[in-house]
Amino acid sequence: MAENSKSRVTADAAFLRTQTQSLSRNRVLSETDTINQARDANTARLRALRLQKEAVDRAAAASAPKRKRPV
């Protein structure tokens, strides 16, 4: 009983391969999610800064005196 059968050893090896692949896949997905979240946060920050700058530019353009064109 101390010895494992050949089929048991093969099944254990297959399970360990599957488990290792699953752990690797989960690690990669976790890293990808972290990268995506960081990218999304940076994009949102940059968009907010751009919109703020555009609003300031529009306000400055609206308050600037109109230049007359020479005819």
C-alpha atoms as a PDB file:
ATOM      1  CA  MET A   1       0.000   0.000   0.000  1.00  0.00           C
ATOM      2  CA  ALA A   2       2.965   2.355   0.487  1.00  0.00           C
ATOM      3  CA  GLU A   3       3.693   2.342  -3.232  1.00  0.00           C
ATOM      4  CA  ASN A   4       1.456   4.359  -5.489  1.00  0.00           C
ATOM      5  CA  SER A   5       0.228   2.839  -8.680  1.00  0.00           C
ATOM      6  CA  LYS A   6       1.459   4.165 -11.998  1.00  0.00           C
ATOM      7  CA  SER A   7      -1.957   5.619 -12.805  1.00  0.00           C
ATOM      8  CA  ARG A   8      -2.030   7.421  -9.446  1.00  0.00           C
ATOM      9  CA  VAL A   9       1.391   8.962 -10.061  1.00  0.00           C
ATOM     10  CA  THR A  10       0.320  10.032 -13.555  1.00  0.00           C
ATOM     11  CA  ALA A  11      -2.900  11.535 -12.213  1.00  0.00           C
ATOM     12  CA  ASP A  12      -1.019  13.420  -9.498  1.00  0.00           C
ATOM     13  CA  ALA A  13       1.448  14.796 -12.039  1.00  0.00           C
ATOM     14  CA  ALA A  14      -1.385  15.903 -14.319  1.00  0.00           C
ATOM     15  CA  PHE A  15      -3.145  17.594 -11.413  1.00  0.00           C
ATOM     16  CA  LEU A  16       0.018  19.438 -10.397  1.00  0.00           C
ATOM     17  CA  ARG A  17       0.558  20.637 -13.982  1.00  0.00           C
ATOM     18  CA  THR A  18      -3.011  21.885 -14.154  1.00  0.00           C
ATOM     19  CA  GLN A  19      -2.726  23.558 -10.767  1.00  0.00           C
ATOM     20  CA  THR A  20       0.544  25.253 -11.729  1.00  0.00           C
ATOM     21  CA  GLN A  21      -0.964  26.521 -14.985  1.00  0.00           C
ATOM     22  CA  SER A  22      -3.988  27.820 -13.119  1.00  0.00           C
ATOM     23  CA  LEU A  23      -1.848  29.647 -10.567  1.00  0.00           C
ATOM     24  CA  SER A  24       0.297  31.153 -13.326  1.00  0.00           C
ATOM     25  CA  ARG A  25      -2.781  32.270 -15.256  1.00  0.00           C
ATOM     26  CA  ASN A  26      -4.276  33.839 -12.122  1.00  0.00           C
ATOM     27  CA  ARG A  27      -1.026  35.689 -11.413  1.00  0.00           C
ATOM     28  CA  VAL A  28      -0.853  37.048 -14.962  1.00  0.00           C
ATOM     29  CA  LEU A  29      -4.506  38.119 -14.875  1.00  0.00           C
ATOM     30  CA  SER A  30      -3.981  39.840 -11.535  1.00  0.00           C
ATOM     31  CA  GLU A  31      -0.965  41.734 -12.883  1.00  0.00           C
ATOM     32  CA  THR A  32      -2.910  42.692 -16.006  1.00  0.00           C
ATOM     33  CA  ASP A  33      -5.814  43.965 -13.906  1.00  0.00           C
ATOM     34  CA  THR A  34      -3.434  46.059 -11.814  1.00  0.00           C
ATOM     35  CA  ILE A  35      -1.853  47.560 -14.930  1.00  0.00           C
ATOM     36  CA  ASN A  36      -5.280  48.275 -16.454  1.00  0.00           C
ATOM     37  CA  GLN A  37      -6.507  49.972 -13.285  1.00  0.00           C
ATOM     38  CA  ALA A  38      -3.391  52.162 -13.144  1.00  0.00           C
ATOM     39  CA  ARG A  39      -3.791  53.082 -16.825  1.00  0.00           C
ATOM     40  CA  ASP A  40      -7.485  53.900 -16.362  1.00  0.00           C
ATOM     41  CA  ALA A  41      -6.737  56.078 -13.328  1.00  0.00           C
ATOM     42  CA  ASN A  42      -4.022  57.948 -15.226  1.00  0.00           C
ATOM     43  CA  THR A  43      -6.318  58.427 -18.220  1.00  0.00           C
ATOM     44  CA  ALA A  44      -9.064  59.826 -15.988  1.00  0.00           C
ATOM     45  CA  ARG A  45      -6.586  62.188 -14.315  1.00  0.00           C
ATOM     46  CA  LEU A  46      -5.245  63.432 -17.636  1.00  0.00           C
ATOM     47  CA  ARG A  47      -8.767  63.851 -19.054  1.00  0.00           C
ATOM     48  CA  ALA A  48      -9.792  65.933 -16.025  1.00  0.00           C
ATOM     49  CA  LEU A  49      -6.710  68.132 -16.436  1.00  0.00           C
ATOM     50  CA  ARG A  50      -7.399  68.576 -20.164  1.00  0.00           C
ATOM     51  CA  LEU A  51     -11.036  69.488 -19.582  1.00  0.00           C
ATOM     52  CA  GLN A  52     -10.029  71.963 -16.893  1.00  0.00           C
ATOM     53  CA  LYS A  53      -7.469  73.577 -19.212  1.00  0.00           C
ATOM     54  CA  GLU A  54     -10.008  73.764 -22.043  1.00  0.00           C
ATOM     55  CA  ALA A  55     -12.510  75.456 -19.720  1.00  0.00           C
ATOM     56  CA  VAL A  56      -9.897  78.016 -18.669  1.00  0.00           C
ATOM     57  CA  ASP A  57      -8.966  78.613 -22.315  1.00  0.00           C
ATOM     58  CA  ARG A  58     -12.624  79.095 -23.280  1.00  0.00           C
ATOM     59  CA  ALA A  59     -13.143  81.533 -20.406  1.00  0.00           C
ATOM     60  CA  ALA A  60     -10.034  83.475 -21.387  1.00  0.00           C
ATOM     61  CA  ALA A  61     -11.113  83.611 -25.029  1.00  0.00           C
ATOM     62  CA  ALA A  62     -14.596  84.795 -24.068  1.00  0.00           C
ATOM     63  CA  SER A  63     -13.285  87.576 -21.842  1.00  0.00           C
ATOM     64  CA  ALA A  64     -10.568  88.743 -24.262  1.00  0.00           C
ATOM     65  CA  PRO A  65     -11.448  91.850 -26.232  1.00  0.00           C
ATOM     66  CA  LYS A  66     -12.292  91.232 -29.865  1.00  0.00           C
ATOM     67  CA  ARG A  67      -9.713  92.484 -32.311  1.00  0.00           C
ATOM     68  CA  LYS A  68     -10.990  94.491 -35.212  1.00  0.00           C
ATOM     69  CA  ARG A  69      -9.911  93.424 -38.641  1.00  0.00           C
ATOM     70  CA  PRO A  70      -8.444  96.068 -40.877  1.00  0.00           C
ATOM     71  CA  VAL A  71     -10.562  96.526 -43.973  1.00  0.00           C
END
